[in-house]
Amino acid sequence: DFLLLFAAGNSGPWPSTIGSQAAAKNVIAVGAGENHPESYADGGAGRSIHNVVDFSSKGPTLDGLFKPTVVAPGENIASADSDGAAYSFQCSAGMMAALETLGGTSMATPACAGGAALIRQYFDKGYYGTGAPNNASAFMPSAALVTAVLIHSGKPMSYYDPYTGELLPAPPTLPHSSQGFGRVDLDSVLYL
């Protein structure tokens, strides 16, 4: 029982730009949200974690599916920086040189995969029902249950109009072709 996650692609803001793997029916396609230091202080105005970043690919897919499925932070993400040698398998020298700030749905997808792993662990350790580990409640969740929890955690996000560049308010209902089921927010669905 697997859960497959794919980066939605960086061909936004235009509609119907989801990458081919992310367009598959039973996978989670992850879009990118804005992620700036000021995003955490502005309460939703301007650059904000509550906005889908303009480069994130949008749906619908060619066969009419709402994609991306969910959105996670995908801008200004600190990531390992290669030393440039193809077979060294090493990062650059020094702590700060070993990190690079990147953006894209390929940066958002690992964050979402980490969230899916936390959901699986939540049920596997028996947190369900009490918010504390309990072997009597423990079970291995299916990929469908993990997907359902991710989707149910989604919060609507503002998004950019592809034709004017204007920031539009969050849609009143989800799913929406700009963001699927919205920004993943596990605190809203996992009782601890």
N, C-alpha and C. Protein backbone atom coordinates (compact mmCIF):
# COMPACT_ATOMS: atom_id res chain seq x y z
N ASP A 1 0.85 -1.18 0.00
CA ASP A 1 0.00 0.00 0.00
C ASP A 1 0.90 1.23 0.00
N PHE A 2 0.99 1.93 -1.10
CA PHE A 2 1.86 3.07 -1.24
C PHE A 2 1.08 4.37 -1.42
N LEU A 3 1.73 5.43 -1.08
CA LEU A 3 1.21 6.76 -1.34
C LEU A 3 2.23 7.48 -2.22
N LEU A 4 1.84 7.81 -3.42
CA LEU A 4 2.74 8.47 -4.36
C LEU A 4 2.46 9.97 -4.39
N LEU A 5 3.53 10.76 -4.24
CA LEU A 5 3.44 12.21 -4.32
C LEU A 5 4.34 12.69 -5.45
N PHE A 6 3.83 13.61 -6.25
CA PHE A 6 4.60 14.19 -7.34
C PHE A 6 4.51 15.70 -7.28
N ALA A 7 5.60 16.37 -7.66
CA ALA A 7 5.60 17.82 -7.79
C ALA A 7 4.67 18.19 -8.95
N ALA A 8 3.82 19.19 -8.73
CA ALA A 8 2.85 19.60 -9.75
C ALA A 8 3.52 20.22 -10.98
N GLY A 9 4.67 20.86 -10.78
CA GLY A 9 5.36 21.54 -11.88
C GLY A 9 5.43 23.03 -11.62
N ASN A 10 6.32 23.69 -12.35
CA ASN A 10 6.56 25.12 -12.16
C ASN A 10 6.21 25.92 -13.41
N SER A 11 5.10 25.57 -14.03
CA SER A 11 4.68 26.21 -15.29
C SER A 11 3.53 27.18 -15.11
N GLY A 12 3.24 27.58 -13.87
CA GLY A 12 2.16 28.52 -13.63
C GLY A 12 2.55 29.91 -14.09
N PRO A 13 1.65 30.84 -14.04
CA PRO A 13 0.35 30.78 -13.40
C PRO A 13 -0.78 30.29 -14.30
N TRP A 14 -0.44 29.81 -15.47
CA TRP A 14 -1.46 29.45 -16.46
C TRP A 14 -2.22 28.20 -16.05
N PRO A 15 -3.50 28.11 -16.42
CA PRO A 15 -4.28 26.91 -16.13
C PRO A 15 -3.83 25.72 -16.98
N SER A 16 -4.17 24.53 -16.51
CA SER A 16 -3.90 23.26 -17.21
C SER A 16 -2.42 23.07 -17.52
N THR A 17 -1.56 23.34 -16.52
CA THR A 17 -0.12 23.21 -16.70
C THR A 17 0.49 22.13 -15.80
N ILE A 18 -0.33 21.28 -15.22
CA ILE A 18 0.15 20.21 -14.33
C ILE A 18 1.06 19.26 -15.10
N GLY A 19 2.20 18.89 -14.49
CA GLY A 19 3.13 17.94 -15.11
C GLY A 19 2.50 16.58 -15.31
N SER A 20 3.03 15.79 -16.25
CA SER A 20 2.39 14.53 -16.64
C SER A 20 2.26 13.53 -15.49
N GLN A 21 3.31 13.35 -14.66
CA GLN A 21 3.18 12.39 -13.56
C GLN A 21 2.17 12.87 -12.53
N ALA A 22 2.17 14.16 -12.26
CA ALA A 22 1.27 14.73 -11.26
C ALA A 22 -0.19 14.71 -11.70
N ALA A 23 -0.42 14.51 -13.00
CA ALA A 23 -1.80 14.49 -13.51
C ALA A 23 -2.47 13.14 -13.32
N ALA A 24 -1.75 12.14 -12.85
CA ALA A 24 -2.33 10.81 -12.66
C ALA A 24 -3.45 10.85 -11.62
N LYS A 25 -4.41 9.98 -11.78
CA LYS A 25 -5.63 10.00 -10.97
C LYS A 25 -5.38 9.76 -9.48
N ASN A 26 -4.62 8.76 -9.11
CA ASN A 26 -4.51 8.37 -7.71
C ASN A 26 -3.19 8.75 -7.06
N VAL A 27 -2.65 9.87 -7.45
CA VAL A 27 -1.44 10.39 -6.81
C VAL A 27 -1.75 11.74 -6.18
N ILE A 28 -0.91 12.13 -5.25
CA ILE A 28 -1.02 13.47 -4.68
C ILE A 28 -0.08 14.38 -5.45
N ALA A 29 -0.64 15.36 -6.12
CA ALA A 29 0.14 16.37 -6.84
C ALA A 29 0.30 17.56 -5.89
N VAL A 30 1.54 17.96 -5.64
CA VAL A 30 1.80 19.01 -4.66
C VAL A 30 2.17 20.31 -5.35
N GLY A 31 1.39 21.34 -5.08
CA GLY A 31 1.67 22.68 -5.56
C GLY A 31 2.50 23.43 -4.54
N ALA A 32 2.97 24.62 -4.91
CA ALA A 32 3.83 25.41 -4.03
C ALA A 32 3.13 26.66 -3.53
N GLY A 33 3.33 26.93 -2.26
CA GLY A 33 2.84 28.15 -1.64
C GLY A 33 3.99 29.12 -1.37
N GLU A 34 3.66 30.39 -1.19
CA GLU A 34 4.68 31.39 -0.86
C GLU A 34 5.27 31.08 0.51
N ASN A 35 6.52 31.46 0.70
CA ASN A 35 7.22 31.18 1.95
C ASN A 35 8.34 32.20 2.11
N HIS A 36 8.02 33.34 2.69
CA HIS A 36 8.99 34.40 2.92
C HIS A 36 9.05 34.68 4.41
N PRO A 37 10.18 35.19 4.91
CA PRO A 37 10.23 35.52 6.34
C PRO A 37 9.08 36.43 6.76
N GLU A 38 8.74 37.41 5.90
CA GLU A 38 7.64 38.31 6.26
C GLU A 38 6.28 37.61 6.19
N SER A 39 6.23 36.44 5.55
CA SER A 39 4.98 35.70 5.44
C SER A 39 4.41 35.34 6.80
N TYR A 40 5.29 35.15 7.77
CA TYR A 40 4.85 34.69 9.08
C TYR A 40 4.43 35.83 9.99
N ALA A 41 4.70 37.07 9.57
CA ALA A 41 4.39 38.22 10.42
C ALA A 41 3.27 39.08 9.88
N ASP A 42 2.92 38.93 8.60
CA ASP A 42 2.00 39.90 8.01
C ASP A 42 0.53 39.55 8.16
N GLY A 43 0.20 38.40 8.72
CA GLY A 43 -1.19 38.06 8.96
C GLY A 43 -2.01 37.91 7.69
N GLY A 44 -1.38 37.68 6.56
CA GLY A 44 -2.12 37.41 5.34
C GLY A 44 -2.03 38.50 4.29
N ALA A 45 -1.44 39.66 4.60
CA ALA A 45 -1.34 40.73 3.62
C ALA A 45 -0.05 40.60 2.83
N GLY A 46 -0.10 40.88 1.54
CA GLY A 46 1.10 40.83 0.71
C GLY A 46 1.64 39.41 0.57
N ARG A 47 2.97 39.26 0.54
CA ARG A 47 3.60 37.94 0.43
C ARG A 47 3.23 37.15 1.68
N SER A 48 2.64 35.99 1.49
CA SER A 48 2.07 35.31 2.64
C SER A 48 2.04 33.80 2.45
N ILE A 49 2.15 33.06 3.54
CA ILE A 49 2.00 31.61 3.47
C ILE A 49 0.58 31.23 3.07
N HIS A 50 -0.30 32.21 3.03
CA HIS A 50 -1.70 31.98 2.65
C HIS A 50 -1.93 32.16 1.15
N ASN A 51 -0.84 32.33 0.37
CA ASN A 51 -0.94 32.53 -1.07
C ASN A 51 -0.29 31.38 -1.83
N VAL A 52 -0.90 30.97 -2.93
CA VAL A 52 -0.25 30.04 -3.85
C VAL A 52 0.77 30.86 -4.63
N VAL A 53 2.00 30.37 -4.74
CA VAL A 53 3.03 31.11 -5.48
C VAL A 53 2.69 31.09 -6.97
N ASP A 54 3.00 32.16 -7.68
CA ASP A 54 2.56 32.28 -9.07
C ASP A 54 3.14 31.23 -10.01
N PHE A 55 4.34 30.71 -9.75
CA PHE A 55 4.92 29.73 -10.68
C PHE A 55 4.37 28.32 -10.54
N SER A 56 3.63 28.05 -9.47
CA SER A 56 3.10 26.71 -9.24
C SER A 56 2.10 26.33 -10.34
N SER A 57 2.29 25.16 -10.95
CA SER A 57 1.39 24.71 -12.03
C SER A 57 -0.03 24.57 -11.51
N LYS A 58 -0.97 24.81 -12.38
CA LYS A 58 -2.39 24.81 -12.01
C LYS A 58 -3.14 23.76 -12.81
N GLY A 59 -4.33 23.42 -12.33
CA GLY A 59 -5.23 22.52 -13.04
C GLY A 59 -6.24 23.32 -13.81
N PRO A 60 -7.25 22.68 -14.32
CA PRO A 60 -7.47 21.25 -14.22
C PRO A 60 -6.57 20.47 -15.18
N THR A 61 -6.53 19.15 -15.00
CA THR A 61 -5.79 18.31 -15.93
C THR A 61 -6.58 18.21 -17.22
N LEU A 62 -5.98 17.65 -18.24
CA LEU A 62 -6.66 17.53 -19.54
C LEU A 62 -7.92 16.68 -19.46
N ASP A 63 -7.97 15.75 -18.47
CA ASP A 63 -9.18 14.94 -18.31
C ASP A 63 -10.09 15.47 -17.21
N GLY A 64 -9.87 16.72 -16.77
CA GLY A 64 -10.80 17.40 -15.87
C GLY A 64 -10.56 17.22 -14.38
N LEU A 65 -9.46 16.60 -13.95
CA LEU A 65 -9.20 16.42 -12.52
C LEU A 65 -8.74 17.74 -11.90
N PHE A 66 -9.14 17.95 -10.64
CA PHE A 66 -8.62 19.09 -9.89
C PHE A 66 -7.21 18.74 -9.45
N LYS A 67 -6.25 19.49 -9.89
CA LYS A 67 -4.86 19.33 -9.47
C LYS A 67 -4.29 20.73 -9.38
N PRO A 68 -3.33 21.03 -8.53
CA PRO A 68 -2.69 20.10 -7.62
C PRO A 68 -3.67 19.59 -6.57
N THR A 69 -3.30 18.52 -5.89
CA THR A 69 -4.16 17.97 -4.85
C THR A 69 -4.13 18.85 -3.61
N VAL A 70 -2.92 19.22 -3.19
CA VAL A 70 -2.71 20.08 -2.02
C VAL A 70 -1.51 20.99 -2.31
N VAL A 71 -1.28 21.94 -1.41
CA VAL A 71 -0.18 22.89 -1.53
C VAL A 71 0.63 22.87 -0.23
N ALA A 72 1.95 23.02 -0.37
CA ALA A 72 2.86 23.14 0.78
C ALA A 72 3.86 24.26 0.48
N PRO A 73 4.55 24.79 1.49
CA PRO A 73 5.54 25.85 1.22
C PRO A 73 6.55 25.39 0.17
N GLY A 74 6.77 26.24 -0.85
CA GLY A 74 7.66 25.87 -1.93
C GLY A 74 8.53 27.00 -2.42
N GLU A 75 8.74 28.01 -1.61
CA GLU A 75 9.55 29.16 -1.99
C GLU A 75 10.50 29.46 -0.84
N ASN A 76 11.75 29.79 -1.15
CA ASN A 76 12.77 30.08 -0.14
C ASN A 76 12.96 28.92 0.83
N ILE A 77 13.11 27.72 0.30
CA ILE A 77 13.32 26.52 1.11
C ILE A 77 14.81 26.23 1.18
N ALA A 78 15.37 26.10 2.39
CA ALA A 78 16.79 25.76 2.55
C ALA A 78 16.97 24.29 2.21
N SER A 79 17.90 24.01 1.30
CA SER A 79 18.12 22.65 0.82
C SER A 79 19.62 22.39 0.73
N ALA A 80 20.00 21.11 0.69
CA ALA A 80 21.41 20.75 0.58
C ALA A 80 21.96 21.23 -0.77
N ASP A 81 23.17 21.74 -0.75
CA ASP A 81 23.84 22.22 -1.96
C ASP A 81 24.97 21.26 -2.32
N SER A 82 24.95 20.74 -3.51
CA SER A 82 25.97 19.80 -3.98
C SER A 82 27.33 20.47 -4.10
N ASP A 83 28.38 19.67 -3.96
CA ASP A 83 29.73 20.20 -4.19
C ASP A 83 30.07 20.25 -5.67
N GLY A 84 29.18 19.76 -6.53
CA GLY A 84 29.37 19.83 -7.97
C GLY A 84 30.04 18.62 -8.57
N ALA A 85 30.62 17.74 -7.75
CA ALA A 85 31.28 16.53 -8.25
C ALA A 85 30.22 15.43 -8.37
N ALA A 86 30.04 14.91 -9.56
CA ALA A 86 28.93 14.00 -9.85
C ALA A 86 28.90 12.76 -8.96
N TYR A 87 30.04 12.21 -8.59
CA TYR A 87 30.04 10.95 -7.84
C TYR A 87 30.60 11.07 -6.43
N SER A 88 30.69 12.28 -5.88
CA SER A 88 31.22 12.43 -4.53
C SER A 88 30.15 12.21 -3.47
N PHE A 89 28.89 12.46 -3.82
CA PHE A 89 27.77 12.34 -2.89
C PHE A 89 27.98 13.20 -1.64
N GLN A 90 28.57 14.38 -1.83
CA GLN A 90 28.88 15.28 -0.73
C GLN A 90 28.23 16.64 -0.96
N CYS A 91 27.94 17.31 0.14
CA CYS A 91 27.50 18.69 0.07
C CYS A 91 28.71 19.60 0.00
N SER A 92 28.47 20.86 -0.29
CA SER A 92 29.56 21.84 -0.32
C SER A 92 30.20 21.93 1.06
N ALA A 93 31.44 22.41 1.11
CA ALA A 93 32.17 22.53 2.36
C ALA A 93 31.62 23.64 3.23
N GLY A 94 31.61 23.43 4.53
CA GLY A 94 31.18 24.44 5.49
C GLY A 94 29.67 24.44 5.67
N MET A 95 29.24 24.80 6.86
CA MET A 95 27.82 24.72 7.21
C MET A 95 26.95 25.59 6.31
N MET A 96 27.28 26.87 6.17
CA MET A 96 26.45 27.76 5.37
C MET A 96 26.58 27.46 3.88
N ALA A 97 27.76 27.04 3.44
CA ALA A 97 27.94 26.70 2.03
C ALA A 97 27.18 25.43 1.66
N ALA A 98 26.87 24.61 2.66
CA ALA A 98 26.18 23.34 2.40
C ALA A 98 24.68 23.53 2.17
N LEU A 99 24.20 24.74 2.36
CA LEU A 99 22.78 25.02 2.17
C LEU A 99 22.58 25.99 1.02
N GLU A 100 21.50 25.80 0.30
CA GLU A 100 21.12 26.70 -0.77
C GLU A 100 19.62 26.95 -0.65
N THR A 101 19.20 28.17 -0.90
CA THR A 101 17.78 28.48 -0.86
C THR A 101 17.20 28.28 -2.25
N LEU A 102 16.20 27.41 -2.35
CA LEU A 102 15.60 27.06 -3.62
C LEU A 102 14.09 27.23 -3.56
N GLY A 103 13.46 27.20 -4.72
CA GLY A 103 12.01 27.27 -4.79
C GLY A 103 11.49 26.37 -5.89
N GLY A 104 10.28 25.91 -5.73
CA GLY A 104 9.64 25.08 -6.74
C GLY A 104 8.74 24.05 -6.09
N THR A 105 7.93 23.43 -6.90
CA THR A 105 7.06 22.39 -6.37
C THR A 105 7.88 21.18 -5.93
N SER A 106 9.10 21.05 -6.46
CA SER A 106 9.98 19.97 -6.00
C SER A 106 10.53 20.25 -4.61
N MET A 107 10.41 21.46 -4.12
CA MET A 107 10.76 21.79 -2.73
C MET A 107 9.53 21.60 -1.83
N ALA A 108 8.34 21.81 -2.37
CA ALA A 108 7.11 21.64 -1.60
C ALA A 108 6.76 20.17 -1.38
N THR A 109 7.07 19.33 -2.35
CA THR A 109 6.69 17.92 -2.29
C THR A 109 7.32 17.19 -1.11
N PRO A 110 8.62 17.36 -0.82
CA PRO A 110 9.17 16.68 0.36
C PRO A 110 8.51 17.12 1.67
N ALA A 111 8.13 18.39 1.77
CA ALA A 111 7.45 18.84 2.98
C ALA A 111 6.12 18.12 3.13
N CYS A 112 5.41 17.97 2.04
CA CYS A 112 4.12 17.26 2.06
C CYS A 112 4.33 15.77 2.36
N ALA A 113 5.38 15.18 1.79
CA ALA A 113 5.69 13.77 2.07
C ALA A 113 6.01 13.57 3.55
N GLY A 114 6.72 14.54 4.14
CA GLY A 114 6.97 14.48 5.58
C GLY A 114 5.68 14.54 6.38
N GLY A 115 4.75 15.37 5.94
CA GLY A 115 3.43 15.42 6.59
C GLY A 115 2.71 14.09 6.48
N ALA A 116 2.79 13.45 5.32
CA ALA A 116 2.15 12.14 5.13
C ALA A 116 2.78 11.11 6.06
N ALA A 117 4.10 11.18 6.24
CA ALA A 117 4.78 10.25 7.17
C ALA A 117 4.33 10.48 8.60
N LEU A 118 4.13 11.74 8.98
CA LEU A 118 3.64 12.04 10.33
C LEU A 118 2.22 11.52 10.54
N ILE A 119 1.39 11.62 9.51
CA ILE A 119 0.03 11.08 9.60
C ILE A 119 0.09 9.57 9.81
N ARG A 120 0.91 8.89 9.02
CA ARG A 120 1.04 7.43 9.15
C ARG A 120 1.51 7.08 10.56
N GLN A 121 2.49 7.79 11.08
CA GLN A 121 3.00 7.53 12.42
C GLN A 121 1.92 7.80 13.48
N TYR A 122 1.12 8.83 13.28
CA TYR A 122 0.04 9.18 14.21
C TYR A 122 -0.88 7.98 14.44
N PHE A 123 -1.27 7.32 13.36
CA PHE A 123 -2.15 6.15 13.49
C PHE A 123 -1.39 4.91 13.93
N ASP A 124 -0.17 4.74 13.43
CA ASP A 124 0.64 3.56 13.77
C ASP A 124 1.00 3.52 15.25
N LYS A 125 1.17 4.66 15.88
CA LYS A 125 1.52 4.72 17.30
C LYS A 125 0.30 4.84 18.20
N GLY A 126 -0.90 4.89 17.61
CA GLY A 126 -2.12 4.89 18.40
C GLY A 126 -2.54 6.22 18.97
N TYR A 127 -2.10 7.34 18.38
CA TYR A 127 -2.53 8.65 18.86
C TYR A 127 -4.00 8.93 18.57
N TYR A 128 -4.56 8.21 17.60
CA TYR A 128 -5.94 8.44 17.18
C TYR A 128 -6.89 8.27 18.36
N GLY A 129 -7.75 9.25 18.56
CA GLY A 129 -8.78 9.18 19.60
C GLY A 129 -8.40 9.83 20.91
N THR A 130 -7.15 9.70 21.34
CA THR A 130 -6.77 10.25 22.65
C THR A 130 -5.74 11.36 22.55
N GLY A 131 -4.96 11.40 21.47
CA GLY A 131 -3.90 12.38 21.35
C GLY A 131 -2.62 11.96 22.05
N ALA A 132 -2.62 10.75 22.60
CA ALA A 132 -1.43 10.20 23.26
C ALA A 132 -1.20 8.79 22.72
N PRO A 133 0.04 8.31 22.73
CA PRO A 133 0.30 6.96 22.21
C PRO A 133 -0.47 5.91 22.99
N ASN A 134 -1.11 5.01 22.26
CA ASN A 134 -1.92 3.97 22.88
C ASN A 134 -1.90 2.74 21.97
N ASN A 135 -1.22 1.69 22.40
CA ASN A 135 -1.11 0.48 21.57
C ASN A 135 -2.45 -0.12 21.21
N ALA A 136 -3.45 0.02 22.06
CA ALA A 136 -4.77 -0.55 21.79
C ALA A 136 -5.44 0.14 20.60
N SER A 137 -5.09 1.41 20.33
CA SER A 137 -5.68 2.15 19.22
C SER A 137 -4.82 2.12 17.96
N ALA A 138 -3.63 1.55 18.07
CA ALA A 138 -2.69 1.59 16.95
C ALA A 138 -3.13 0.72 15.78
N PHE A 139 -2.96 1.23 14.59
CA PHE A 139 -3.18 0.46 13.36
C PHE A 139 -2.40 1.10 12.23
N MET A 140 -2.11 0.33 11.20
CA MET A 140 -1.38 0.87 10.04
C MET A 140 -2.40 1.44 9.06
N PRO A 141 -2.38 2.75 8.84
CA PRO A 141 -3.37 3.35 7.96
C PRO A 141 -3.09 3.04 6.50
N SER A 142 -4.12 2.96 5.71
CA SER A 142 -3.96 2.77 4.27
C SER A 142 -3.52 4.08 3.63
N ALA A 143 -3.00 3.99 2.43
CA ALA A 143 -2.64 5.19 1.67
C ALA A 143 -3.88 6.07 1.46
N ALA A 144 -5.04 5.43 1.30
CA ALA A 144 -6.28 6.20 1.11
C ALA A 144 -6.61 7.02 2.36
N LEU A 145 -6.39 6.47 3.54
CA LEU A 145 -6.65 7.23 4.77
C LEU A 145 -5.66 8.38 4.92
N VAL A 146 -4.39 8.13 4.64
CA VAL A 146 -3.39 9.21 4.72
C VAL A 146 -3.76 10.32 3.74
N THR A 147 -4.15 9.94 2.53
CA THR A 147 -4.58 10.93 1.53
C THR A 147 -5.79 11.72 2.04
N ALA A 148 -6.76 11.03 2.61
CA ALA A 148 -7.96 11.70 3.11
C ALA A 148 -7.63 12.70 4.20
N VAL A 149 -6.72 12.36 5.10
CA VAL A 149 -6.33 13.28 6.17
C VAL A 149 -5.61 14.50 5.58
N LEU A 150 -4.69 14.27 4.63
CA LEU A 150 -4.01 15.40 3.98
C LEU A 150 -5.02 16.34 3.32
N ILE A 151 -5.93 15.77 2.56
CA ILE A 151 -6.93 16.57 1.86
C ILE A 151 -7.83 17.32 2.83
N HIS A 152 -8.26 16.64 3.88
CA HIS A 152 -9.16 17.25 4.85
C HIS A 152 -8.49 18.39 5.62
N SER A 153 -7.15 18.36 5.70
CA SER A 153 -6.44 19.41 6.43
C SER A 153 -6.31 20.70 5.63
N GLY A 154 -6.65 20.66 4.34
CA GLY A 154 -6.42 21.80 3.45
C GLY A 154 -7.13 23.07 3.86
N LYS A 155 -6.40 24.17 3.74
CA LYS A 155 -6.94 25.51 4.02
C LYS A 155 -6.93 26.31 2.71
N PRO A 156 -8.03 27.02 2.41
CA PRO A 156 -8.07 27.82 1.17
C PRO A 156 -6.98 28.88 1.16
N MET A 157 -6.45 29.14 -0.03
CA MET A 157 -5.37 30.10 -0.21
C MET A 157 -5.73 31.13 -1.28
N SER A 158 -5.18 32.33 -1.12
CA SER A 158 -5.30 33.33 -2.19
C SER A 158 -4.40 32.86 -3.33
N TYR A 159 -4.68 33.35 -4.53
CA TYR A 159 -3.90 32.94 -5.70
C TYR A 159 -3.86 34.09 -6.70
N TYR A 160 -2.91 34.00 -7.63
CA TYR A 160 -2.72 35.07 -8.60
C TYR A 160 -3.49 34.80 -9.88
N ASP A 161 -4.17 35.84 -10.38
CA ASP A 161 -4.86 35.74 -11.66
C ASP A 161 -3.80 35.62 -12.75
N PRO A 162 -3.88 34.59 -13.59
CA PRO A 162 -2.84 34.39 -14.60
C PRO A 162 -2.80 35.48 -15.67
N TYR A 163 -3.88 36.22 -15.83
CA TYR A 163 -3.95 37.20 -16.90
C TYR A 163 -3.61 38.61 -16.44
N THR A 164 -3.90 38.93 -15.18
CA THR A 164 -3.64 40.28 -14.68
C THR A 164 -2.53 40.34 -13.64
N GLY A 165 -2.19 39.18 -13.02
CA GLY A 165 -1.20 39.15 -11.95
C GLY A 165 -1.76 39.60 -10.62
N GLU A 166 -3.05 39.94 -10.59
CA GLU A 166 -3.70 40.39 -9.36
C GLU A 166 -3.86 39.24 -8.38
N LEU A 167 -3.63 39.53 -7.09
CA LEU A 167 -3.85 38.53 -6.05
C LEU A 167 -5.34 38.43 -5.78
N LEU A 168 -5.90 37.26 -6.01
CA LEU A 168 -7.33 37.04 -5.82
C LEU A 168 -7.59 36.40 -4.45
N PRO A 169 -8.74 36.66 -3.86
CA PRO A 169 -9.02 36.07 -2.55
C PRO A 169 -9.17 34.55 -2.64
N ALA A 170 -9.02 33.91 -1.50
CA ALA A 170 -9.18 32.46 -1.44
C ALA A 170 -10.57 32.09 -1.97
N PRO A 171 -10.66 31.00 -2.72
CA PRO A 171 -11.97 30.60 -3.24
C PRO A 171 -12.90 30.20 -2.09
N PRO A 172 -14.21 30.40 -2.26
CA PRO A 172 -15.14 30.08 -1.17
C PRO A 172 -15.29 28.57 -0.94
N THR A 173 -15.00 27.77 -1.96
CA THR A 173 -15.10 26.32 -1.80
C THR A 173 -13.88 25.65 -2.41
N LEU A 174 -13.55 24.51 -1.90
CA LEU A 174 -12.46 23.70 -2.43
C LEU A 174 -13.03 22.35 -2.84
N PRO A 175 -12.48 21.66 -3.81
CA PRO A 175 -11.23 21.95 -4.50
C PRO A 175 -11.37 23.07 -5.52
N HIS A 176 -10.21 23.63 -5.87
CA HIS A 176 -10.13 24.71 -6.84
C HIS A 176 -8.94 24.43 -7.75
N SER A 177 -9.04 24.78 -9.01
CA SER A 177 -7.98 24.46 -9.97
C SER A 177 -6.65 25.14 -9.66
N SER A 178 -6.63 26.16 -8.84
CA SER A 178 -5.37 26.83 -8.49
C SER A 178 -4.62 26.11 -7.37
N GLN A 179 -5.34 25.30 -6.56
CA GLN A 179 -4.73 24.77 -5.35
C GLN A 179 -5.29 23.44 -4.88
N GLY A 180 -6.17 22.85 -5.62
CA GLY A 180 -6.77 21.59 -5.17
C GLY A 180 -7.52 21.82 -3.87
N PHE A 181 -7.11 21.09 -2.82
CA PHE A 181 -7.78 21.19 -1.52
C PHE A 181 -7.08 22.17 -0.58
N GLY A 182 -6.11 22.94 -1.08
CA GLY A 182 -5.50 24.01 -0.29
C GLY A 182 -4.22 23.62 0.41
N ARG A 183 -3.80 24.52 1.33
CA ARG A 183 -2.54 24.37 2.07
C ARG A 183 -2.69 23.33 3.17
N VAL A 184 -1.76 22.39 3.22
CA VAL A 184 -1.77 21.35 4.25
C VAL A 184 -1.56 22.00 5.62
N ASP A 185 -2.45 21.67 6.57
CA ASP A 185 -2.39 22.17 7.94
C ASP A 185 -2.74 21.02 8.88
N LEU A 186 -1.77 20.21 9.24
CA LEU A 186 -2.03 19.01 10.03
C LEU A 186 -2.57 19.32 11.43
N ASP A 187 -2.22 20.48 12.00
CA ASP A 187 -2.75 20.84 13.32
C ASP A 187 -4.28 20.87 13.33
N SER A 188 -4.87 21.12 12.19
CA SER A 188 -6.33 21.25 12.15
C SER A 188 -7.04 19.89 12.12
N VAL A 189 -6.30 18.81 11.90
CA VAL A 189 -6.97 17.49 11.79
C VAL A 189 -6.42 16.42 12.73
N LEU A 190 -5.23 16.59 13.27
CA LEU A 190 -4.65 15.56 14.14
C LEU A 190 -4.69 16.05 15.59
N TYR A 191 -5.48 15.37 16.39
CA TYR A 191 -5.65 15.73 17.79
C TYR A 191 -4.42 15.32 18.60
N LEU A 192 -3.83 16.26 19.28
CA LEU A 192 -2.72 15.98 20.21
C LEU A 192 -2.96 16.64 21.52
